[in-house]
N, C-alpha and C. Protein backbone atom coordinates (compact mmCIF):
# COMPACT_ATOMS: atom_id res chain seq x y z
N MET A 1 0.83 -1.19 0.00
CA MET A 1 0.00 0.00 0.00
C MET A 1 0.87 1.25 0.00
N GLU A 2 0.53 2.19 -0.85
CA GLU A 2 1.30 3.41 -0.98
C GLU A 2 0.98 4.36 0.19
N ALA A 3 2.03 4.87 0.82
CA ALA A 3 1.86 5.82 1.92
C ALA A 3 1.89 7.24 1.37
N LEU A 4 0.86 8.02 1.70
CA LEU A 4 0.82 9.42 1.29
C LEU A 4 1.14 10.30 2.48
N THR A 5 1.82 11.40 2.22
CA THR A 5 2.21 12.35 3.25
C THR A 5 1.65 13.72 2.90
N THR A 6 1.23 14.45 3.91
CA THR A 6 0.73 15.81 3.71
C THR A 6 1.74 16.81 4.24
N LEU A 7 2.11 17.75 3.38
CA LEU A 7 3.03 18.82 3.75
C LEU A 7 2.24 20.12 3.82
N TYR A 8 2.54 20.93 4.81
CA TYR A 8 1.90 22.24 4.96
C TYR A 8 2.97 23.32 4.82
N ILE A 9 2.71 24.27 3.96
CA ILE A 9 3.64 25.40 3.79
C ILE A 9 2.85 26.67 4.07
N ASP A 10 3.21 27.33 5.15
CA ASP A 10 2.51 28.54 5.58
C ASP A 10 3.56 29.49 6.16
N LYS A 11 4.34 30.09 5.26
CA LYS A 11 5.46 30.93 5.66
C LYS A 11 5.06 32.40 5.67
N GLU A 12 5.62 33.13 6.61
CA GLU A 12 5.39 34.58 6.69
C GLU A 12 5.84 35.27 5.39
N SER A 13 6.83 34.73 4.72
CA SER A 13 7.36 35.36 3.51
C SER A 13 6.47 35.17 2.27
N HIS A 14 5.48 34.29 2.35
CA HIS A 14 4.61 34.05 1.20
C HIS A 14 3.41 35.00 1.27
N LYS A 15 3.67 36.22 0.83
CA LYS A 15 2.64 37.25 0.90
C LYS A 15 2.83 38.24 -0.25
N PHE A 16 1.78 39.00 -0.50
CA PHE A 16 1.86 40.10 -1.45
C PHE A 16 0.85 41.17 -1.05
N SER A 17 1.17 42.39 -1.39
CA SER A 17 0.28 43.52 -1.15
C SER A 17 -0.27 43.97 -2.49
N ALA A 18 -1.58 44.16 -2.57
CA ALA A 18 -2.18 44.56 -3.84
C ALA A 18 -3.45 45.36 -3.60
N ALA A 19 -3.77 46.21 -4.58
CA ALA A 19 -5.01 46.97 -4.56
C ALA A 19 -6.03 46.29 -5.47
N HIS A 20 -7.31 46.48 -5.15
CA HIS A 20 -8.37 45.89 -5.96
C HIS A 20 -9.71 46.48 -5.54
N PHE A 21 -10.74 46.08 -6.23
CA PHE A 21 -12.11 46.31 -5.80
C PHE A 21 -12.90 45.08 -6.22
N THR A 22 -13.76 44.60 -5.35
CA THR A 22 -14.62 43.46 -5.66
C THR A 22 -15.87 43.97 -6.35
N ILE A 23 -16.29 43.27 -7.40
CA ILE A 23 -17.48 43.63 -8.15
C ILE A 23 -18.62 42.71 -7.70
N PHE A 24 -19.74 43.30 -7.28
CA PHE A 24 -20.88 42.53 -6.80
C PHE A 24 -21.97 42.35 -7.85
N SER A 25 -22.12 43.32 -8.74
CA SER A 25 -23.14 43.26 -9.78
C SER A 25 -22.77 44.28 -10.86
N ALA A 26 -23.63 44.43 -11.85
CA ALA A 26 -23.37 45.38 -12.92
C ALA A 26 -23.32 46.83 -12.42
N ALA A 27 -23.87 47.09 -11.24
CA ALA A 27 -23.93 48.45 -10.75
C ALA A 27 -23.34 48.64 -9.36
N GLU A 28 -22.79 47.58 -8.76
CA GLU A 28 -22.29 47.68 -7.39
C GLU A 28 -20.90 47.06 -7.27
N ARG A 29 -20.00 47.83 -6.68
CA ARG A 29 -18.65 47.36 -6.42
C ARG A 29 -18.13 48.01 -5.15
N GLU A 30 -17.08 47.43 -4.62
CA GLU A 30 -16.40 48.05 -3.48
C GLU A 30 -15.59 49.25 -3.96
N ARG A 31 -15.24 50.10 -3.03
CA ARG A 31 -14.29 51.16 -3.34
C ARG A 31 -12.90 50.55 -3.47
N LEU A 32 -12.07 51.23 -4.19
CA LEU A 32 -10.69 50.81 -4.35
C LEU A 32 -10.01 50.76 -2.98
N HIS A 33 -9.36 49.63 -2.70
CA HIS A 33 -8.65 49.46 -1.43
C HIS A 33 -7.57 48.38 -1.62
N GLY A 34 -6.83 48.10 -0.59
CA GLY A 34 -5.76 47.11 -0.70
C GLY A 34 -5.75 46.14 0.46
N HIS A 35 -5.00 45.06 0.25
CA HIS A 35 -4.84 44.03 1.28
C HIS A 35 -3.38 43.60 1.32
N ASN A 36 -2.98 43.09 2.46
CA ASN A 36 -1.73 42.36 2.59
C ASN A 36 -2.14 40.89 2.59
N TYR A 37 -2.08 40.27 1.42
CA TYR A 37 -2.52 38.89 1.24
C TYR A 37 -1.42 37.93 1.72
N SER A 38 -1.83 36.80 2.26
CA SER A 38 -0.89 35.73 2.59
C SER A 38 -1.32 34.46 1.86
N VAL A 39 -0.34 33.65 1.50
CA VAL A 39 -0.57 32.46 0.69
C VAL A 39 -0.01 31.25 1.42
N SER A 40 -0.78 30.18 1.45
CA SER A 40 -0.33 28.93 2.06
C SER A 40 -0.74 27.76 1.16
N ALA A 41 -0.09 26.62 1.37
CA ALA A 41 -0.40 25.46 0.56
C ALA A 41 -0.36 24.19 1.40
N ARG A 42 -1.19 23.24 0.98
CA ARG A 42 -1.19 21.88 1.54
C ARG A 42 -0.94 20.96 0.37
N ILE A 43 0.11 20.13 0.47
CA ILE A 43 0.53 19.27 -0.63
C ILE A 43 0.52 17.83 -0.17
N VAL A 44 -0.17 16.97 -0.92
CA VAL A 44 -0.23 15.53 -0.62
C VAL A 44 0.54 14.81 -1.73
N ALA A 45 1.52 14.02 -1.31
CA ALA A 45 2.36 13.29 -2.26
C ALA A 45 2.79 11.97 -1.63
N PRO A 46 3.16 10.99 -2.47
CA PRO A 46 3.62 9.71 -1.92
C PRO A 46 4.95 9.85 -1.19
N MET A 47 5.10 9.08 -0.14
CA MET A 47 6.35 9.05 0.61
C MET A 47 7.41 8.36 -0.26
N GLY A 48 8.55 9.03 -0.42
CA GLY A 48 9.62 8.46 -1.23
C GLY A 48 10.51 7.53 -0.42
N ASP A 49 11.32 6.77 -1.14
CA ASP A 49 12.26 5.85 -0.48
C ASP A 49 13.30 6.59 0.35
N ASN A 50 13.49 7.88 0.04
CA ASN A 50 14.49 8.67 0.75
C ASN A 50 13.93 9.32 2.02
N GLY A 51 12.66 9.05 2.36
CA GLY A 51 12.10 9.54 3.61
C GLY A 51 11.38 10.87 3.53
N PHE A 52 11.22 11.41 2.33
CA PHE A 52 10.39 12.59 2.21
C PHE A 52 9.53 12.51 0.96
N ALA A 53 8.45 13.28 0.96
CA ALA A 53 7.48 13.19 -0.13
C ALA A 53 7.72 14.24 -1.21
N ALA A 54 8.12 15.42 -0.81
CA ALA A 54 8.36 16.51 -1.76
C ALA A 54 9.39 17.45 -1.15
N ASP A 55 10.11 18.13 -1.98
CA ASP A 55 11.14 19.05 -1.53
C ASP A 55 10.49 20.38 -1.13
N TYR A 56 10.47 20.67 0.15
CA TYR A 56 9.89 21.92 0.64
C TYR A 56 10.47 23.13 -0.10
N ASN A 57 11.78 23.09 -0.33
CA ASN A 57 12.43 24.25 -0.95
C ASN A 57 11.88 24.55 -2.34
N VAL A 58 11.53 23.53 -3.09
CA VAL A 58 10.95 23.74 -4.42
C VAL A 58 9.64 24.50 -4.29
N TYR A 59 8.77 24.06 -3.40
CA TYR A 59 7.45 24.67 -3.28
C TYR A 59 7.50 26.03 -2.59
N LYS A 60 8.41 26.21 -1.64
CA LYS A 60 8.59 27.52 -1.03
C LYS A 60 9.05 28.52 -2.08
N SER A 61 9.95 28.11 -2.93
CA SER A 61 10.45 28.98 -4.00
C SER A 61 9.35 29.31 -5.01
N LEU A 62 8.56 28.31 -5.39
CA LEU A 62 7.46 28.55 -6.33
C LEU A 62 6.42 29.51 -5.76
N LEU A 63 6.05 29.32 -4.50
CA LEU A 63 5.09 30.22 -3.87
C LEU A 63 5.64 31.64 -3.78
N ALA A 64 6.90 31.78 -3.45
CA ALA A 64 7.51 33.11 -3.37
C ALA A 64 7.49 33.79 -4.73
N LYS A 65 7.78 33.05 -5.77
CA LYS A 65 7.77 33.59 -7.14
C LYS A 65 6.37 34.05 -7.54
N LEU A 66 5.36 33.24 -7.24
CA LEU A 66 3.98 33.59 -7.57
C LEU A 66 3.53 34.84 -6.81
N CYS A 67 3.91 34.95 -5.55
CA CYS A 67 3.56 36.13 -4.75
C CYS A 67 4.26 37.37 -5.29
N ALA A 68 5.52 37.25 -5.62
CA ALA A 68 6.29 38.40 -6.11
C ALA A 68 5.69 38.96 -7.40
N ALA A 69 5.10 38.11 -8.22
CA ALA A 69 4.52 38.55 -9.49
C ALA A 69 3.28 39.43 -9.29
N LEU A 70 2.66 39.38 -8.10
CA LEU A 70 1.46 40.18 -7.82
C LEU A 70 1.73 41.32 -6.84
N ASP A 71 2.90 41.34 -6.25
CA ASP A 71 3.19 42.28 -5.16
C ASP A 71 3.25 43.73 -5.65
N GLU A 72 2.53 44.58 -4.95
CA GLU A 72 2.50 46.03 -5.17
C GLU A 72 1.92 46.41 -6.53
N TYR A 73 0.86 45.70 -6.93
CA TYR A 73 0.15 46.02 -8.16
C TYR A 73 -1.32 46.30 -7.87
N MET A 74 -1.94 47.00 -8.79
CA MET A 74 -3.39 47.11 -8.86
C MET A 74 -3.83 45.89 -9.65
N LEU A 75 -4.78 45.11 -9.14
CA LEU A 75 -5.24 43.89 -9.81
C LEU A 75 -6.61 44.12 -10.43
N LEU A 76 -6.73 43.78 -11.72
CA LEU A 76 -7.99 43.93 -12.44
C LEU A 76 -8.40 42.59 -13.04
N PRO A 77 -9.71 42.28 -13.01
CA PRO A 77 -10.21 41.01 -13.55
C PRO A 77 -10.60 41.12 -15.03
N ALA A 78 -9.81 40.55 -15.92
CA ALA A 78 -10.07 40.64 -17.36
C ALA A 78 -11.35 39.92 -17.77
N ALA A 79 -11.77 38.91 -17.03
CA ALA A 79 -12.93 38.11 -17.42
C ALA A 79 -14.24 38.57 -16.77
N SER A 80 -14.24 39.72 -16.13
CA SER A 80 -15.47 40.22 -15.51
C SER A 80 -16.46 40.64 -16.60
N PRO A 81 -17.71 40.19 -16.49
CA PRO A 81 -18.71 40.63 -17.46
C PRO A 81 -19.15 42.08 -17.24
N TYR A 82 -18.74 42.69 -16.14
CA TYR A 82 -19.19 44.03 -15.79
C TYR A 82 -18.13 45.11 -15.97
N LEU A 83 -16.96 44.71 -16.40
CA LEU A 83 -15.84 45.65 -16.49
C LEU A 83 -15.31 45.67 -17.91
N GLU A 84 -15.06 46.84 -18.42
CA GLU A 84 -14.38 46.99 -19.71
C GLU A 84 -12.99 47.54 -19.44
N ILE A 85 -11.99 46.90 -20.03
CA ILE A 85 -10.61 47.32 -19.83
C ILE A 85 -10.01 47.58 -21.20
N ALA A 86 -9.56 48.81 -21.42
CA ALA A 86 -8.95 49.17 -22.70
C ALA A 86 -7.57 49.78 -22.44
N GLU A 87 -6.64 49.49 -23.32
CA GLU A 87 -5.31 50.09 -23.22
C GLU A 87 -5.32 51.43 -23.94
N GLN A 88 -4.83 52.45 -23.25
CA GLN A 88 -4.70 53.78 -23.84
C GLN A 88 -3.32 54.31 -23.48
N GLY A 89 -2.40 54.14 -24.40
CA GLY A 89 -1.04 54.58 -24.13
C GLY A 89 -0.45 53.85 -22.95
N GLU A 90 -0.04 54.60 -21.94
CA GLU A 90 0.57 54.02 -20.75
C GLU A 90 -0.44 53.68 -19.66
N GLU A 91 -1.72 53.77 -19.99
CA GLU A 91 -2.76 53.55 -18.99
C GLU A 91 -3.75 52.47 -19.44
N TYR A 92 -4.43 51.92 -18.44
CA TYR A 92 -5.63 51.13 -18.68
C TYR A 92 -6.81 52.05 -18.39
N LEU A 93 -7.74 52.12 -19.32
CA LEU A 93 -8.99 52.83 -19.11
C LEU A 93 -10.02 51.78 -18.73
N VAL A 94 -10.53 51.86 -17.51
CA VAL A 94 -11.44 50.85 -16.98
C VAL A 94 -12.82 51.50 -16.84
N THR A 95 -13.82 50.85 -17.42
CA THR A 95 -15.19 51.37 -17.34
C THR A 95 -16.06 50.38 -16.56
N PHE A 96 -16.72 50.92 -15.53
CA PHE A 96 -17.66 50.15 -14.73
C PHE A 96 -18.91 50.99 -14.52
N ASP A 97 -20.04 50.47 -14.89
CA ASP A 97 -21.32 51.14 -14.70
C ASP A 97 -21.29 52.57 -15.25
N GLY A 98 -20.69 52.74 -16.42
CA GLY A 98 -20.64 54.04 -17.07
C GLY A 98 -19.60 55.00 -16.53
N ARG A 99 -18.88 54.60 -15.49
CA ARG A 99 -17.85 55.45 -14.90
C ARG A 99 -16.47 54.95 -15.32
N GLN A 100 -15.56 55.88 -15.52
CA GLN A 100 -14.23 55.52 -15.97
C GLN A 100 -13.18 55.74 -14.88
N MET A 101 -12.22 54.83 -14.86
CA MET A 101 -11.08 54.92 -13.96
C MET A 101 -9.83 54.69 -14.81
N ARG A 102 -8.75 55.29 -14.43
CA ARG A 102 -7.49 55.12 -15.15
C ARG A 102 -6.42 54.56 -14.19
N PHE A 103 -5.66 53.60 -14.70
CA PHE A 103 -4.58 53.00 -13.92
C PHE A 103 -3.34 52.90 -14.81
N LEU A 104 -2.19 53.23 -14.27
CA LEU A 104 -0.95 53.07 -15.03
C LEU A 104 -0.75 51.59 -15.37
N ARG A 105 -0.43 51.32 -16.61
CA ARG A 105 -0.20 49.92 -17.01
C ARG A 105 0.98 49.34 -16.25
N SER A 106 1.99 50.15 -15.97
CA SER A 106 3.18 49.64 -15.27
C SER A 106 2.89 49.28 -13.81
N ASP A 107 1.78 49.77 -13.26
CA ASP A 107 1.40 49.49 -11.88
C ASP A 107 0.24 48.49 -11.77
N THR A 108 -0.17 47.91 -12.90
CA THR A 108 -1.39 47.12 -12.93
C THR A 108 -1.16 45.74 -13.54
N GLN A 109 -1.77 44.73 -12.92
CA GLN A 109 -1.80 43.38 -13.48
C GLN A 109 -3.24 43.09 -13.88
N VAL A 110 -3.47 42.76 -15.15
CA VAL A 110 -4.79 42.35 -15.61
C VAL A 110 -4.77 40.83 -15.63
N LEU A 111 -5.56 40.22 -14.76
CA LEU A 111 -5.55 38.77 -14.56
C LEU A 111 -6.74 38.11 -15.25
N PRO A 112 -6.59 36.87 -15.69
CA PRO A 112 -7.69 36.16 -16.38
C PRO A 112 -8.73 35.62 -15.39
N LEU A 113 -9.29 36.52 -14.59
CA LEU A 113 -10.24 36.17 -13.53
C LEU A 113 -11.54 36.91 -13.74
N ARG A 114 -12.61 36.42 -13.10
CA ARG A 114 -13.91 37.07 -13.15
C ARG A 114 -14.03 38.20 -12.13
N ASN A 115 -13.23 38.09 -11.07
CA ASN A 115 -13.29 39.05 -9.98
C ASN A 115 -11.98 38.94 -9.21
N ILE A 116 -11.63 39.96 -8.48
CA ILE A 116 -10.44 39.88 -7.63
C ILE A 116 -10.92 39.58 -6.22
N THR A 117 -11.03 38.29 -5.94
CA THR A 117 -11.46 37.78 -4.64
C THR A 117 -10.45 36.75 -4.18
N VAL A 118 -10.48 36.40 -2.89
CA VAL A 118 -9.56 35.37 -2.41
C VAL A 118 -9.83 34.04 -3.09
N GLU A 119 -11.10 33.77 -3.44
CA GLU A 119 -11.44 32.52 -4.12
C GLU A 119 -10.79 32.46 -5.51
N GLU A 120 -10.93 33.54 -6.26
CA GLU A 120 -10.37 33.58 -7.61
C GLU A 120 -8.84 33.61 -7.56
N LEU A 121 -8.27 34.37 -6.62
CA LEU A 121 -6.81 34.42 -6.51
C LEU A 121 -6.25 33.06 -6.11
N SER A 122 -6.95 32.31 -5.27
CA SER A 122 -6.45 30.98 -4.88
C SER A 122 -6.44 30.05 -6.09
N ARG A 123 -7.46 30.13 -6.94
CA ARG A 123 -7.50 29.30 -8.15
C ARG A 123 -6.37 29.70 -9.10
N TYR A 124 -6.19 30.99 -9.29
CA TYR A 124 -5.15 31.51 -10.18
C TYR A 124 -3.76 31.08 -9.72
N LEU A 125 -3.48 31.24 -8.44
CA LEU A 125 -2.16 30.86 -7.92
C LEU A 125 -1.97 29.35 -7.92
N LEU A 126 -3.03 28.59 -7.65
CA LEU A 126 -2.92 27.13 -7.73
C LEU A 126 -2.58 26.69 -9.15
N ASP A 127 -3.23 27.29 -10.14
CA ASP A 127 -2.90 26.97 -11.54
C ASP A 127 -1.43 27.23 -11.82
N GLY A 128 -0.91 28.35 -11.32
CA GLY A 128 0.50 28.68 -11.51
C GLY A 128 1.42 27.70 -10.81
N LEU A 129 1.07 27.31 -9.59
CA LEU A 129 1.88 26.35 -8.84
C LEU A 129 1.92 25.00 -9.56
N LEU A 130 0.77 24.54 -10.04
CA LEU A 130 0.72 23.25 -10.74
C LEU A 130 1.49 23.31 -12.06
N ARG A 131 1.37 24.42 -12.77
CA ARG A 131 2.09 24.58 -14.03
C ARG A 131 3.61 24.53 -13.79
N ASP A 132 4.05 25.25 -12.76
CA ASP A 132 5.48 25.34 -12.49
C ASP A 132 6.05 24.10 -11.81
N SER A 133 5.20 23.23 -11.30
CA SER A 133 5.69 22.00 -10.67
C SER A 133 5.33 20.77 -11.49
N ALA A 134 5.11 20.96 -12.78
CA ALA A 134 4.78 19.84 -13.67
C ALA A 134 5.86 18.77 -13.57
N GLY A 135 5.44 17.53 -13.60
CA GLY A 135 6.37 16.41 -13.50
C GLY A 135 6.56 15.88 -12.09
N GLN A 136 6.08 16.63 -11.09
CA GLN A 136 6.17 16.16 -9.71
C GLN A 136 5.03 15.17 -9.45
N ASP A 137 5.27 14.20 -8.60
CA ASP A 137 4.25 13.19 -8.29
C ASP A 137 3.37 13.69 -7.15
N LEU A 138 2.42 14.55 -7.51
CA LEU A 138 1.51 15.12 -6.51
C LEU A 138 0.16 14.44 -6.63
N ARG A 139 -0.53 14.27 -5.51
CA ARG A 139 -1.86 13.66 -5.51
C ARG A 139 -2.95 14.69 -5.22
N GLU A 140 -2.60 15.68 -4.42
CA GLU A 140 -3.57 16.71 -4.08
C GLU A 140 -2.81 17.96 -3.65
N VAL A 141 -3.33 19.11 -4.06
CA VAL A 141 -2.75 20.38 -3.64
C VAL A 141 -3.91 21.31 -3.31
N GLU A 142 -3.84 21.93 -2.15
CA GLU A 142 -4.79 22.96 -1.77
C GLU A 142 -4.00 24.24 -1.56
N LEU A 143 -4.42 25.30 -2.24
CA LEU A 143 -3.75 26.58 -2.10
C LEU A 143 -4.75 27.58 -1.54
N CYS A 144 -4.33 28.31 -0.50
CA CYS A 144 -5.21 29.27 0.17
C CYS A 144 -4.62 30.67 0.07
N VAL A 145 -5.51 31.64 -0.08
CA VAL A 145 -5.14 33.05 -0.07
C VAL A 145 -5.98 33.72 1.00
N ALA A 146 -5.31 34.40 1.92
CA ALA A 146 -6.00 35.13 2.99
C ALA A 146 -5.84 36.63 2.75
N SER A 147 -6.94 37.37 2.94
CA SER A 147 -6.89 38.82 2.80
C SER A 147 -6.77 39.51 4.16
N GLY A 148 -6.70 38.71 5.20
CA GLY A 148 -6.56 39.21 6.56
C GLY A 148 -6.80 38.06 7.51
N PRO A 149 -6.55 38.26 8.79
CA PRO A 149 -6.77 37.20 9.77
C PRO A 149 -8.23 36.72 9.74
N GLY A 150 -8.41 35.41 9.66
CA GLY A 150 -9.74 34.83 9.71
C GLY A 150 -10.55 34.90 8.44
N GLN A 151 -9.93 35.31 7.32
CA GLN A 151 -10.67 35.42 6.06
C GLN A 151 -9.79 34.92 4.92
N ARG A 152 -10.12 33.73 4.41
CA ARG A 152 -9.33 33.18 3.31
C ARG A 152 -10.21 32.33 2.41
N GLY A 153 -9.69 32.13 1.21
CA GLY A 153 -10.35 31.26 0.23
C GLY A 153 -9.34 30.24 -0.25
N CYS A 154 -9.79 29.02 -0.49
CA CYS A 154 -8.90 27.94 -0.90
C CYS A 154 -9.45 27.24 -2.13
N THR A 155 -8.54 26.75 -2.95
CA THR A 155 -8.90 25.93 -4.12
C THR A 155 -8.10 24.64 -4.04
N THR A 156 -8.75 23.52 -4.33
CA THR A 156 -8.11 22.22 -4.24
C THR A 156 -8.07 21.54 -5.60
N TRP A 157 -6.93 20.93 -5.90
CA TRP A 157 -6.74 20.11 -7.10
C TRP A 157 -6.43 18.69 -6.65
N ARG A 158 -7.02 17.70 -7.33
CA ARG A 158 -6.71 16.29 -7.05
C ARG A 158 -6.34 15.60 -8.34
N ALA A 159 -5.35 14.72 -8.25
CA ALA A 159 -4.90 13.95 -9.43
C ALA A 159 -5.97 12.96 -9.83
């Protein structure tokens, strides 16, 4: 019988700060604000003959890289049915409910998400973690994003 081991990675260094607004409907959204997000992962893999299931350093490095790619940006959801995003020179012109906002392109990440929520960010980061760890013998990965103490969203992948 194959023995599976669960690894938990929840490091203080796996974090990013970003601005966003959550969209609730075609006419309602939050005001622009920011969070200090933290990212953690639970990894299930078979126990190897060498006494460990996965190299912590590989996954710590991957999580740090994913966090760094979002750190200190304005995050916009490209797949939102309620938001129009157009490039205008060095800016993004964003239209919501007939109102326009401008964001510097150099300060903004447009993500392939429907909304900028902990649920969507956890799915996005999990996809990145799985892509970057291709070839590893993983059975299950859960990635969580917290926007503050006591508030987080998680997405789980199973082989």
